[in-house]
Amino acid sequence: MSCFKPPNEVPRDGWKQDSLGTYASPTAARMRRILAVSVGVFHALISMGYSDSSLNLNSELFSWNTYTLACLSMIILVGGPLRLTAFAHLGKNFTFQLGPPDTLMTDGIYRYIQHPGYTGQIVVLVVNLALFLRWDGAFGCWVPRGFRSTISGWGLVFCLVLVFGILRRLMMRVKDEEKMLKDTFGEKWVAWSRVTARFIPGVF
């Protein structure tokens, strides 16, 4: 849950352009936390047997197996640590809404990645979608039994469209952030950006 909670208050001097807009506001962050907790608790209750829609559910999503272990490992060992490490390294300069930082962080994890917080966030998001946002997952409890065959296969399409939309908006935010850093730190940021990856070392 700490991945969805703003580590610091909204900056007093916000940046003039922020593509995320209200999505990065404290209210939006609070709503995401409530939604994440609700889905997680509901999934846990189903795992304990509190469901009368078992015909719609994939039992492998609610038990310990290779798939669920892989999903949870990605969140616990990759996504979560990346996000929280970014929080820790940036300290007071990490805010959900854009605001000019007082220091350009270039050590620690920032020696290798320019946006570790976003990388961690995407890992957590995609894995949560793969584990929770499925017609044969927790949402299956609200799908009429006869309707399951009609929507079969569309869940993947919906998730792909959702992820594409989020990534597109995120890249707009990244460009806003990079412009802010370039305007604030000039050639120092340019030199650092040339020797570091944006999201994944050696890839992108």
N, C-alpha and C. Protein backbone atom coordinates (compact mmCIF):
# COMPACT_ATOMS: atom_id res chain seq x y z
N MET A 1 0.82 -1.20 0.00
CA MET A 1 0.00 0.00 0.00
C MET A 1 0.86 1.26 0.00
N SER A 2 2.06 1.16 0.53
CA SER A 2 2.94 2.33 0.56
C SER A 2 3.28 2.83 -0.84
N CYS A 3 3.18 1.93 -1.84
CA CYS A 3 3.49 2.32 -3.22
C CYS A 3 2.46 3.32 -3.75
N PHE A 4 1.26 3.32 -3.17
CA PHE A 4 0.19 4.19 -3.65
C PHE A 4 0.01 5.43 -2.77
N LYS A 5 0.78 5.54 -1.71
CA LYS A 5 0.62 6.64 -0.77
C LYS A 5 1.67 7.71 -1.02
N PRO A 6 1.26 8.98 -1.18
CA PRO A 6 2.24 10.05 -1.40
C PRO A 6 3.21 10.14 -0.22
N PRO A 7 4.53 10.07 -0.46
CA PRO A 7 5.49 10.16 0.64
C PRO A 7 5.62 11.56 1.21
N ASN A 8 5.21 12.56 0.42
CA ASN A 8 5.30 13.96 0.87
C ASN A 8 4.06 14.72 0.41
N GLU A 9 3.87 15.89 1.01
CA GLU A 9 2.73 16.72 0.65
C GLU A 9 2.90 17.31 -0.75
N VAL A 10 1.81 17.84 -1.26
CA VAL A 10 1.84 18.50 -2.56
C VAL A 10 2.80 19.69 -2.51
N PRO A 11 3.72 19.83 -3.47
CA PRO A 11 4.66 20.95 -3.45
C PRO A 11 3.95 22.29 -3.55
N ARG A 12 4.43 23.26 -2.79
CA ARG A 12 3.81 24.59 -2.83
C ARG A 12 3.96 25.23 -4.20
N ASP A 13 5.15 25.07 -4.79
CA ASP A 13 5.41 25.65 -6.11
C ASP A 13 5.31 24.56 -7.17
N GLY A 14 4.09 24.25 -7.58
CA GLY A 14 3.89 23.22 -8.57
C GLY A 14 4.43 23.63 -9.93
N TRP A 15 4.75 22.62 -10.75
CA TRP A 15 5.25 22.91 -12.09
C TRP A 15 4.10 23.33 -12.98
N LYS A 16 4.40 24.15 -13.99
CA LYS A 16 3.35 24.73 -14.83
C LYS A 16 2.64 23.71 -15.71
N GLN A 17 3.27 22.56 -15.97
CA GLN A 17 2.64 21.56 -16.82
C GLN A 17 2.76 20.18 -16.17
N ASP A 18 1.63 19.53 -15.98
CA ASP A 18 1.59 18.20 -15.36
C ASP A 18 0.48 17.41 -16.03
N SER A 19 0.86 16.48 -16.92
CA SER A 19 -0.12 15.75 -17.72
C SER A 19 -1.03 14.86 -16.88
N LEU A 20 -0.59 14.46 -15.69
CA LEU A 20 -1.44 13.60 -14.86
C LEU A 20 -2.57 14.39 -14.21
N GLY A 21 -2.36 15.67 -14.02
CA GLY A 21 -3.42 16.51 -13.47
C GLY A 21 -4.00 15.98 -12.18
N THR A 22 -5.34 15.86 -12.13
CA THR A 22 -6.02 15.43 -10.90
C THR A 22 -5.70 13.99 -10.54
N TYR A 23 -5.22 13.19 -11.50
CA TYR A 23 -4.88 11.80 -11.21
C TYR A 23 -3.78 11.71 -10.17
N ALA A 24 -2.95 12.75 -10.08
CA ALA A 24 -1.84 12.75 -9.12
C ALA A 24 -2.21 13.46 -7.83
N SER A 25 -3.45 13.87 -7.69
CA SER A 25 -3.87 14.61 -6.49
C SER A 25 -3.99 13.68 -5.28
N PRO A 26 -3.93 14.22 -4.06
CA PRO A 26 -4.08 13.39 -2.86
C PRO A 26 -5.40 12.62 -2.83
N THR A 27 -6.48 13.24 -3.31
CA THR A 27 -7.78 12.55 -3.33
C THR A 27 -7.75 11.34 -4.24
N ALA A 28 -7.15 11.49 -5.43
CA ALA A 28 -7.05 10.36 -6.36
C ALA A 28 -6.19 9.25 -5.78
N ALA A 29 -5.09 9.62 -5.12
CA ALA A 29 -4.22 8.62 -4.49
C ALA A 29 -4.96 7.87 -3.40
N ARG A 30 -5.78 8.58 -2.63
CA ARG A 30 -6.57 7.95 -1.57
C ARG A 30 -7.58 6.97 -2.16
N MET A 31 -8.21 7.33 -3.27
CA MET A 31 -9.18 6.45 -3.92
C MET A 31 -8.51 5.20 -4.45
N ARG A 32 -7.30 5.33 -4.98
CA ARG A 32 -6.57 4.16 -5.48
C ARG A 32 -6.22 3.22 -4.34
N ARG A 33 -5.84 3.77 -3.20
CA ARG A 33 -5.52 2.93 -2.04
C ARG A 33 -6.76 2.16 -1.58
N ILE A 34 -7.89 2.85 -1.51
CA ILE A 34 -9.13 2.20 -1.08
C ILE A 34 -9.51 1.08 -2.04
N LEU A 35 -9.39 1.35 -3.35
CA LEU A 35 -9.72 0.34 -4.36
C LEU A 35 -8.79 -0.86 -4.25
N ALA A 36 -7.48 -0.60 -4.09
CA ALA A 36 -6.51 -1.69 -4.00
C ALA A 36 -6.76 -2.55 -2.77
N VAL A 37 -7.04 -1.92 -1.64
CA VAL A 37 -7.32 -2.66 -0.41
C VAL A 37 -8.60 -3.48 -0.56
N SER A 38 -9.62 -2.89 -1.15
CA SER A 38 -10.91 -3.57 -1.30
C SER A 38 -10.77 -4.82 -2.16
N VAL A 39 -10.09 -4.69 -3.29
CA VAL A 39 -9.90 -5.84 -4.18
C VAL A 39 -9.06 -6.91 -3.50
N GLY A 40 -8.00 -6.49 -2.80
CA GLY A 40 -7.15 -7.45 -2.11
C GLY A 40 -7.87 -8.21 -1.02
N VAL A 41 -8.67 -7.50 -0.22
CA VAL A 41 -9.43 -8.14 0.86
C VAL A 41 -10.46 -9.09 0.27
N PHE A 42 -11.14 -8.66 -0.78
CA PHE A 42 -12.15 -9.52 -1.42
C PHE A 42 -11.51 -10.78 -1.97
N HIS A 43 -10.34 -10.64 -2.60
CA HIS A 43 -9.62 -11.79 -3.13
C HIS A 43 -9.25 -12.75 -2.00
N ALA A 44 -8.80 -12.20 -0.88
CA ALA A 44 -8.43 -13.03 0.27
C ALA A 44 -9.64 -13.79 0.82
N LEU A 45 -10.78 -13.13 0.88
CA LEU A 45 -12.00 -13.78 1.38
C LEU A 45 -12.41 -14.93 0.47
N ILE A 46 -12.28 -14.72 -0.85
CA ILE A 46 -12.60 -15.80 -1.79
C ILE A 46 -11.66 -16.98 -1.57
N SER A 47 -10.38 -16.67 -1.34
CA SER A 47 -9.39 -17.73 -1.11
C SER A 47 -9.75 -18.57 0.11
N MET A 48 -10.47 -17.95 1.07
CA MET A 48 -10.87 -18.65 2.28
C MET A 48 -12.21 -19.36 2.10
N GLY A 49 -12.78 -19.25 0.91
CA GLY A 49 -14.00 -20.00 0.63
C GLY A 49 -15.29 -19.23 0.72
N TYR A 50 -15.21 -17.90 0.87
CA TYR A 50 -16.43 -17.10 1.00
C TYR A 50 -16.94 -16.66 -0.37
N SER A 51 -17.47 -17.59 -1.14
CA SER A 51 -18.01 -17.27 -2.46
C SER A 51 -18.99 -18.35 -2.90
N ASP A 52 -20.07 -17.91 -3.53
CA ASP A 52 -21.04 -18.87 -4.06
C ASP A 52 -20.99 -18.88 -5.59
N SER A 53 -19.91 -18.34 -6.17
CA SER A 53 -19.77 -18.29 -7.62
C SER A 53 -18.55 -19.06 -8.07
N SER A 54 -18.30 -20.20 -7.46
CA SER A 54 -17.08 -20.95 -7.72
C SER A 54 -16.96 -21.42 -9.17
N LEU A 55 -18.09 -21.57 -9.86
CA LEU A 55 -18.03 -22.01 -11.25
C LEU A 55 -17.39 -20.97 -12.15
N ASN A 56 -17.41 -19.72 -11.75
CA ASN A 56 -16.81 -18.65 -12.53
C ASN A 56 -15.33 -18.44 -12.21
N LEU A 57 -14.85 -19.07 -11.17
CA LEU A 57 -13.51 -18.78 -10.66
C LEU A 57 -12.47 -19.80 -11.10
N ASN A 58 -11.27 -19.32 -11.31
CA ASN A 58 -10.13 -20.17 -11.59
C ASN A 58 -9.45 -20.46 -10.25
N SER A 59 -9.57 -21.67 -9.78
CA SER A 59 -9.07 -22.01 -8.44
C SER A 59 -7.57 -21.76 -8.29
N GLU A 60 -6.82 -21.79 -9.40
CA GLU A 60 -5.38 -21.58 -9.32
C GLU A 60 -5.01 -20.15 -8.92
N LEU A 61 -5.94 -19.22 -9.11
CA LEU A 61 -5.68 -17.83 -8.72
C LEU A 61 -5.83 -17.63 -7.22
N PHE A 62 -6.41 -18.61 -6.54
CA PHE A 62 -6.71 -18.47 -5.12
C PHE A 62 -5.98 -19.52 -4.28
N SER A 63 -4.87 -20.03 -4.81
CA SER A 63 -4.07 -21.01 -4.07
C SER A 63 -2.59 -20.77 -4.38
N TRP A 64 -1.73 -21.39 -3.57
CA TRP A 64 -0.29 -21.24 -3.79
C TRP A 64 0.15 -22.13 -4.94
N ASN A 65 0.69 -21.53 -5.97
CA ASN A 65 1.21 -22.28 -7.12
C ASN A 65 2.24 -21.41 -7.83
N THR A 66 2.80 -21.92 -8.91
CA THR A 66 3.86 -21.20 -9.61
C THR A 66 3.41 -19.82 -10.08
N TYR A 67 2.18 -19.73 -10.59
CA TYR A 67 1.68 -18.46 -11.12
C TYR A 67 1.51 -17.41 -10.03
N THR A 68 0.83 -17.78 -8.95
CA THR A 68 0.60 -16.80 -7.88
C THR A 68 1.92 -16.42 -7.19
N LEU A 69 2.81 -17.40 -7.03
CA LEU A 69 4.11 -17.09 -6.42
C LEU A 69 4.92 -16.15 -7.30
N ALA A 70 4.87 -16.35 -8.63
CA ALA A 70 5.59 -15.47 -9.55
C ALA A 70 5.04 -14.05 -9.47
N CYS A 71 3.71 -13.94 -9.45
CA CYS A 71 3.08 -12.61 -9.37
C CYS A 71 3.47 -11.90 -8.08
N LEU A 72 3.32 -12.58 -6.96
CA LEU A 72 3.63 -11.97 -5.67
C LEU A 72 5.12 -11.65 -5.55
N SER A 73 5.97 -12.50 -6.12
CA SER A 73 7.41 -12.25 -6.07
C SER A 73 7.78 -11.00 -6.86
N MET A 74 7.13 -10.80 -8.00
CA MET A 74 7.39 -9.61 -8.80
C MET A 74 7.02 -8.34 -8.04
N ILE A 75 5.92 -8.40 -7.29
CA ILE A 75 5.50 -7.24 -6.51
C ILE A 75 6.43 -7.01 -5.33
N ILE A 76 6.70 -8.09 -4.58
CA ILE A 76 7.46 -7.98 -3.34
C ILE A 76 8.96 -7.76 -3.57
N LEU A 77 9.50 -8.39 -4.62
CA LEU A 77 10.95 -8.34 -4.83
C LEU A 77 11.40 -7.35 -5.89
N VAL A 78 10.49 -6.92 -6.76
CA VAL A 78 10.88 -6.02 -7.85
C VAL A 78 10.12 -4.69 -7.79
N GLY A 79 8.82 -4.75 -8.05
CA GLY A 79 8.03 -3.52 -8.14
C GLY A 79 8.03 -2.68 -6.88
N GLY A 80 7.66 -3.31 -5.77
CA GLY A 80 7.59 -2.60 -4.50
C GLY A 80 8.92 -1.98 -4.09
N PRO A 81 10.01 -2.76 -4.07
CA PRO A 81 11.31 -2.19 -3.69
C PRO A 81 11.77 -1.04 -4.60
N LEU A 82 11.53 -1.15 -5.90
CA LEU A 82 11.92 -0.07 -6.80
C LEU A 82 11.18 1.22 -6.45
N ARG A 83 9.88 1.09 -6.24
CA ARG A 83 9.05 2.26 -5.92
C ARG A 83 9.47 2.88 -4.58
N LEU A 84 9.62 2.05 -3.57
CA LEU A 84 9.95 2.55 -2.24
C LEU A 84 11.39 3.07 -2.16
N THR A 85 12.29 2.47 -2.95
CA THR A 85 13.66 2.97 -3.00
C THR A 85 13.70 4.38 -3.59
N ALA A 86 12.86 4.60 -4.61
CA ALA A 86 12.77 5.95 -5.19
C ALA A 86 12.26 6.94 -4.15
N PHE A 87 11.26 6.52 -3.36
CA PHE A 87 10.76 7.38 -2.28
C PHE A 87 11.90 7.76 -1.34
N ALA A 88 12.66 6.73 -0.92
CA ALA A 88 13.70 6.93 0.09
C ALA A 88 14.83 7.83 -0.44
N HIS A 89 15.26 7.60 -1.68
CA HIS A 89 16.39 8.36 -2.21
C HIS A 89 16.03 9.83 -2.45
N LEU A 90 14.83 10.08 -2.95
CA LEU A 90 14.46 11.47 -3.25
C LEU A 90 14.02 12.24 -2.02
N GLY A 91 13.60 11.51 -0.98
CA GLY A 91 13.20 12.18 0.25
C GLY A 91 12.08 13.19 0.04
N LYS A 92 12.28 14.41 0.50
CA LYS A 92 11.24 15.44 0.42
C LYS A 92 10.95 15.87 -1.02
N ASN A 93 11.84 15.50 -1.96
CA ASN A 93 11.64 15.89 -3.35
C ASN A 93 10.71 14.95 -4.11
N PHE A 94 10.30 13.84 -3.48
CA PHE A 94 9.39 12.92 -4.16
C PHE A 94 7.96 13.30 -3.80
N THR A 95 7.25 13.83 -4.77
CA THR A 95 5.84 14.18 -4.60
C THR A 95 5.07 13.65 -5.80
N PHE A 96 3.79 13.30 -5.59
CA PHE A 96 2.99 12.78 -6.69
C PHE A 96 2.70 13.86 -7.73
N GLN A 97 2.55 15.10 -7.30
CA GLN A 97 2.36 16.21 -8.23
C GLN A 97 3.69 16.90 -8.48
N LEU A 98 3.93 17.28 -9.72
CA LEU A 98 5.23 17.83 -10.09
C LEU A 98 5.55 19.13 -9.36
N GLY A 99 6.80 19.20 -8.91
CA GLY A 99 7.32 20.41 -8.29
C GLY A 99 8.83 20.38 -8.42
N PRO A 100 9.48 21.49 -8.76
CA PRO A 100 10.92 21.52 -8.97
C PRO A 100 11.68 21.05 -7.73
N PRO A 101 12.55 20.03 -7.85
CA PRO A 101 13.35 19.57 -6.71
C PRO A 101 14.51 20.53 -6.45
N ASP A 102 15.05 20.46 -5.25
CA ASP A 102 16.19 21.33 -4.94
C ASP A 102 17.52 20.67 -5.23
N THR A 103 17.48 19.35 -5.55
CA THR A 103 18.71 18.61 -5.84
C THR A 103 18.45 17.61 -6.96
N LEU A 104 19.41 17.44 -7.86
CA LEU A 104 19.33 16.40 -8.88
C LEU A 104 19.97 15.14 -8.33
N MET A 105 19.17 14.12 -8.07
CA MET A 105 19.68 12.88 -7.51
C MET A 105 20.35 12.05 -8.59
N THR A 106 21.64 11.75 -8.42
CA THR A 106 22.38 10.97 -9.42
C THR A 106 23.12 9.79 -8.81
N ASP A 107 22.91 9.52 -7.53
CA ASP A 107 23.58 8.37 -6.92
C ASP A 107 22.55 7.33 -6.51
N GLY A 108 23.03 6.25 -5.86
CA GLY A 108 22.13 5.17 -5.50
C GLY A 108 21.54 4.54 -6.74
N ILE A 109 20.27 4.23 -6.71
CA ILE A 109 19.62 3.61 -7.86
C ILE A 109 19.56 4.56 -9.05
N TYR A 110 19.65 5.86 -8.77
CA TYR A 110 19.60 6.86 -9.84
C TYR A 110 20.90 6.92 -10.65
N ARG A 111 21.88 6.14 -10.28
CA ARG A 111 23.08 5.99 -11.11
C ARG A 111 22.78 5.15 -12.34
N TYR A 112 21.69 4.37 -12.27
CA TYR A 112 21.38 3.43 -13.35
C TYR A 112 20.04 3.72 -14.04
N ILE A 113 19.07 4.23 -13.30
CA ILE A 113 17.73 4.47 -13.84
C ILE A 113 17.29 5.89 -13.53
N GLN A 114 16.70 6.54 -14.52
CA GLN A 114 16.21 7.90 -14.30
C GLN A 114 14.86 7.92 -13.58
N HIS A 115 14.03 6.90 -13.83
CA HIS A 115 12.68 6.90 -13.27
C HIS A 115 12.34 5.56 -12.59
N PRO A 116 13.08 5.17 -11.56
CA PRO A 116 12.80 3.89 -10.90
C PRO A 116 11.42 3.82 -10.28
N GLY A 117 10.90 4.96 -9.83
CA GLY A 117 9.57 4.97 -9.23
C GLY A 117 8.51 4.56 -10.22
N TYR A 118 8.62 5.05 -11.45
CA TYR A 118 7.65 4.69 -12.49
C TYR A 118 7.81 3.23 -12.90
N THR A 119 9.06 2.77 -13.00
CA THR A 119 9.29 1.36 -13.34
C THR A 119 8.62 0.45 -12.30
N GLY A 120 8.85 0.75 -11.02
CA GLY A 120 8.23 -0.04 -9.96
C GLY A 120 6.72 0.04 -10.00
N GLN A 121 6.19 1.22 -10.27
CA GLN A 121 4.75 1.41 -10.32
C GLN A 121 4.12 0.56 -11.43
N ILE A 122 4.75 0.53 -12.60
CA ILE A 122 4.22 -0.25 -13.72
C ILE A 122 4.27 -1.74 -13.42
N VAL A 123 5.37 -2.19 -12.80
CA VAL A 123 5.47 -3.61 -12.42
C VAL A 123 4.33 -3.98 -11.47
N VAL A 124 4.13 -3.17 -10.44
CA VAL A 124 3.06 -3.44 -9.47
C VAL A 124 1.70 -3.43 -10.16
N LEU A 125 1.47 -2.47 -11.03
CA LEU A 125 0.19 -2.35 -11.72
C LEU A 125 -0.08 -3.55 -12.62
N VAL A 126 0.87 -3.88 -13.48
CA VAL A 126 0.67 -4.97 -14.44
C VAL A 126 0.47 -6.30 -13.73
N VAL A 127 1.27 -6.55 -12.69
CA VAL A 127 1.13 -7.81 -11.96
C VAL A 127 -0.21 -7.88 -11.24
N ASN A 128 -0.65 -6.77 -10.67
CA ASN A 128 -1.97 -6.75 -10.03
C ASN A 128 -3.08 -7.03 -11.02
N LEU A 129 -2.96 -6.47 -12.22
CA LEU A 129 -3.95 -6.76 -13.27
C LEU A 129 -3.94 -8.24 -13.62
N ALA A 130 -2.74 -8.82 -13.73
CA ALA A 130 -2.62 -10.22 -14.10
C ALA A 130 -3.17 -11.16 -13.02
N LEU A 131 -3.17 -10.70 -11.78
CA LEU A 131 -3.63 -11.55 -10.69
C LEU A 131 -5.07 -11.28 -10.29
N PHE A 132 -5.48 -10.02 -10.32
CA PHE A 132 -6.79 -9.65 -9.79
C PHE A 132 -7.83 -9.28 -10.84
N LEU A 133 -7.44 -8.52 -11.87
CA LEU A 133 -8.41 -8.00 -12.83
C LEU A 133 -8.64 -9.02 -13.95
N ARG A 134 -9.33 -10.10 -13.61
CA ARG A 134 -9.61 -11.18 -14.56
C ARG A 134 -11.05 -11.64 -14.37
N TRP A 135 -11.66 -12.07 -15.47
CA TRP A 135 -13.04 -12.56 -15.36
C TRP A 135 -13.12 -13.82 -14.52
N ASP A 136 -12.03 -14.61 -14.50
CA ASP A 136 -12.03 -15.83 -13.69
C ASP A 136 -11.39 -15.59 -12.33
N GLY A 137 -11.16 -14.31 -12.00
CA GLY A 137 -10.65 -13.94 -10.69
C GLY A 137 -11.77 -13.41 -9.82
N ALA A 138 -11.44 -12.47 -8.95
CA ALA A 138 -12.43 -11.94 -8.01
C ALA A 138 -13.65 -11.34 -8.72
N PHE A 139 -13.44 -10.75 -9.91
CA PHE A 139 -14.56 -10.15 -10.63
C PHE A 139 -15.57 -11.19 -11.10
N GLY A 140 -15.14 -12.44 -11.16
CA GLY A 140 -16.06 -13.50 -11.57
C GLY A 140 -17.24 -13.66 -10.64
N CYS A 141 -17.11 -13.18 -9.42
CA CYS A 141 -18.21 -13.27 -8.46
C CYS A 141 -19.39 -12.38 -8.85
N TRP A 142 -19.13 -11.39 -9.69
CA TRP A 142 -20.21 -10.48 -10.11
C TRP A 142 -20.68 -10.75 -11.54
N VAL A 143 -20.06 -11.74 -12.19
CA VAL A 143 -20.44 -12.06 -13.57
C VAL A 143 -21.46 -13.19 -13.56
N PRO A 144 -22.64 -12.99 -14.17
CA PRO A 144 -23.63 -14.07 -14.25
C PRO A 144 -23.03 -15.29 -14.93
N ARG A 145 -23.37 -16.46 -14.46
CA ARG A 145 -22.76 -17.69 -14.97
C ARG A 145 -22.94 -17.84 -16.48
N GLY A 146 -24.10 -17.50 -17.00
CA GLY A 146 -24.35 -17.66 -18.43
C GLY A 146 -23.64 -16.63 -19.29
N PHE A 147 -23.14 -15.58 -18.66
CA PHE A 147 -22.51 -14.48 -19.38
C PHE A 147 -21.01 -14.71 -19.55
N ARG A 148 -20.47 -15.67 -18.83
CA ARG A 148 -19.02 -15.91 -18.82
C ARG A 148 -18.49 -16.24 -20.22
N SER A 149 -19.20 -17.10 -20.96
CA SER A 149 -18.74 -17.50 -22.29
C SER A 149 -18.78 -16.33 -23.27
N THR A 150 -19.70 -15.38 -23.05
CA THR A 150 -19.83 -14.23 -23.94
C THR A 150 -18.63 -13.30 -23.84
N ILE A 151 -18.14 -13.10 -22.63
CA ILE A 151 -17.04 -12.15 -22.42
C ILE A 151 -15.68 -12.82 -22.41
N SER A 152 -15.65 -14.14 -22.58
CA SER A 152 -14.38 -14.86 -22.56
C SER A 152 -13.43 -14.31 -23.64
N GLY A 153 -12.22 -13.97 -23.24
CA GLY A 153 -11.23 -13.43 -24.16
C GLY A 153 -11.17 -11.91 -24.19
N TRP A 154 -12.28 -11.26 -23.80
CA TRP A 154 -12.32 -9.80 -23.82
C TRP A 154 -11.60 -9.19 -22.62
N GLY A 155 -11.40 -9.99 -21.58
CA GLY A 155 -10.68 -9.49 -20.42
C GLY A 155 -9.26 -9.07 -20.77
N LEU A 156 -8.59 -9.90 -21.59
CA LEU A 156 -7.22 -9.60 -22.01
C LEU A 156 -7.20 -8.33 -22.85
N VAL A 157 -8.18 -8.21 -23.75
CA VAL A 157 -8.26 -7.01 -24.59
C VAL A 157 -8.44 -5.77 -23.73
N PHE A 158 -9.35 -5.87 -22.75
CA PHE A 158 -9.60 -4.74 -21.85
C PHE A 158 -8.33 -4.35 -21.09
N CYS A 159 -7.62 -5.34 -20.57
CA CYS A 159 -6.39 -5.07 -19.81
C CYS A 159 -5.32 -4.43 -20.69
N LEU A 160 -5.19 -4.92 -21.93
CA LEU A 160 -4.20 -4.35 -22.84
C LEU A 160 -4.52 -2.89 -23.17
N VAL A 161 -5.80 -2.61 -23.40
CA VAL A 161 -6.21 -1.23 -23.68
C VAL A 161 -5.95 -0.35 -22.46
N LEU A 162 -6.27 -0.89 -21.27
CA LEU A 162 -6.06 -0.14 -20.03
C LEU A 162 -4.58 0.16 -19.82
N VAL A 163 -3.74 -0.86 -19.98
CA VAL A 163 -2.29 -0.67 -19.79
C VAL A 163 -1.74 0.31 -20.82
N PHE A 164 -2.20 0.20 -22.07
CA PHE A 164 -1.75 1.13 -23.11
C PHE A 164 -2.11 2.57 -22.74
N GLY A 165 -3.33 2.77 -22.27
CA GLY A 165 -3.76 4.11 -21.88
C GLY A 165 -2.94 4.66 -20.73
N ILE A 166 -2.66 3.80 -19.74
CA ILE A 166 -1.86 4.24 -18.59
C ILE A 166 -0.43 4.56 -19.01
N LEU A 167 0.16 3.69 -19.85
CA LEU A 167 1.54 3.93 -20.30
C LEU A 167 1.64 5.20 -21.14
N ARG A 168 0.64 5.44 -21.96
CA ARG A 168 0.64 6.65 -22.78
C ARG A 168 0.61 7.90 -21.89
N ARG A 169 -0.27 7.87 -20.89
CA ARG A 169 -0.37 9.02 -19.98
C ARG A 169 0.91 9.17 -19.16
N LEU A 170 1.48 8.02 -18.78
CA LEU A 170 2.70 8.05 -17.99
C LEU A 170 3.86 8.65 -18.78
N MET A 171 3.95 8.30 -20.07
CA MET A 171 5.02 8.84 -20.89
C MET A 171 4.87 10.35 -21.07
N MET A 172 3.63 10.83 -21.12
CA MET A 172 3.40 12.28 -21.17
C MET A 172 3.91 12.93 -19.88
N ARG A 173 3.65 12.25 -18.76
CA ARG A 173 4.12 12.76 -17.46
C ARG A 173 5.64 12.75 -17.40
N VAL A 174 6.26 11.69 -17.91
CA VAL A 174 7.72 11.59 -17.90
C VAL A 174 8.33 12.75 -18.69
N LYS A 175 7.74 13.06 -19.84
CA LYS A 175 8.25 14.17 -20.64
C LYS A 175 8.12 15.50 -19.90
N ASP A 176 6.99 15.68 -19.19
CA ASP A 176 6.82 16.89 -18.38
C ASP A 176 7.90 16.96 -17.30
N GLU A 177 8.15 15.82 -16.66
CA GLU A 177 9.13 15.78 -15.58
C GLU A 177 10.54 16.04 -16.09
N GLU A 178 10.85 15.44 -17.23
CA GLU A 178 12.19 15.63 -17.80
C GLU A 178 12.39 17.08 -18.25
N LYS A 179 11.36 17.70 -18.78
CA LYS A 179 11.47 19.12 -19.15
C LYS A 179 11.71 19.98 -17.91
N MET A 180 11.00 19.64 -16.83
CA MET A 180 11.17 20.37 -15.58
C MET A 180 12.61 20.24 -15.08
N LEU A 181 13.14 19.01 -15.11
CA LEU A 181 14.50 18.78 -14.63
C LEU A 181 15.53 19.48 -15.52
N LYS A 182 15.29 19.44 -16.83
CA LYS A 182 16.22 20.11 -17.75
C LYS A 182 16.21 21.61 -17.54
N ASP A 183 15.02 22.17 -17.37
CA ASP A 183 14.92 23.62 -17.14
C ASP A 183 15.52 24.02 -15.80
N THR A 184 15.44 23.10 -14.82
CA THR A 184 15.93 23.41 -13.48
C THR A 184 17.44 23.23 -13.35
N PHE A 185 17.96 22.14 -13.95
CA PHE A 185 19.38 21.81 -13.74
C PHE A 185 20.25 21.94 -14.99
N GLY A 186 19.64 22.18 -16.13
CA GLY A 186 20.39 22.44 -17.36
C GLY A 186 21.30 21.31 -17.80
N GLU A 187 22.57 21.65 -18.10
CA GLU A 187 23.52 20.69 -18.64
C GLU A 187 23.83 19.55 -17.68
N LYS A 188 23.68 19.79 -16.40
CA LYS A 188 23.92 18.73 -15.42
C LYS A 188 22.93 17.59 -15.64
N TRP A 189 21.67 17.93 -15.88
CA TRP A 189 20.67 16.90 -16.15
C TRP A 189 20.92 16.24 -17.49
N VAL A 190 21.28 17.03 -18.51
CA VAL A 190 21.54 16.49 -19.85
C VAL A 190 22.65 15.45 -19.80
N ALA A 191 23.75 15.77 -19.11
CA ALA A 191 24.88 14.85 -19.01
C ALA A 191 24.49 13.58 -18.28
N TRP A 192 23.72 13.71 -17.20
CA TRP A 192 23.29 12.54 -16.43
C TRP A 192 22.34 11.67 -17.25
N SER A 193 21.43 12.29 -17.99
CA SER A 193 20.44 11.53 -18.76
C SER A 193 21.09 10.74 -19.89
N ARG A 194 22.24 11.18 -20.35
CA ARG A 194 22.93 10.47 -21.44
C ARG A 194 23.57 9.17 -20.99
N VAL A 195 23.88 9.04 -19.72
CA VAL A 195 24.59 7.85 -19.24
C VAL A 195 23.70 6.94 -18.38
N THR A 196 22.41 7.24 -18.32
CA THR A 196 21.49 6.40 -17.54
C THR A 196 20.31 5.99 -18.41
N ALA A 197 19.72 4.85 -18.06
CA ALA A 197 18.52 4.38 -18.76
C ALA A 197 17.30 5.08 -18.19
N ARG A 198 16.28 5.18 -18.98
CA ARG A 198 15.05 5.81 -18.49
C ARG A 198 14.34 4.91 -17.48
N PHE A 199 14.12 3.64 -17.87
CA PHE A 199 13.33 2.75 -17.03
C PHE A 199 14.01 1.42 -16.70
N ILE A 200 14.68 0.82 -17.70
CA ILE A 200 15.31 -0.49 -17.50
C ILE A 200 16.75 -0.43 -18.00
N PRO A 201 17.73 -0.64 -17.12
CA PRO A 201 19.13 -0.57 -17.53
C PRO A 201 19.43 -1.51 -18.70
N GLY A 202 20.10 -0.98 -19.71
CA GLY A 202 20.49 -1.79 -20.86
C GLY A 202 19.37 -2.05 -21.85
N VAL A 203 18.16 -1.60 -21.54
CA VAL A 203 17.01 -1.85 -22.43
C VAL A 203 16.40 -0.54 -22.91
N PHE A 204 15.95 0.28 -21.95
CA PHE A 204 15.26 1.53 -22.32
C PHE A 204 15.34 2.51 -21.16
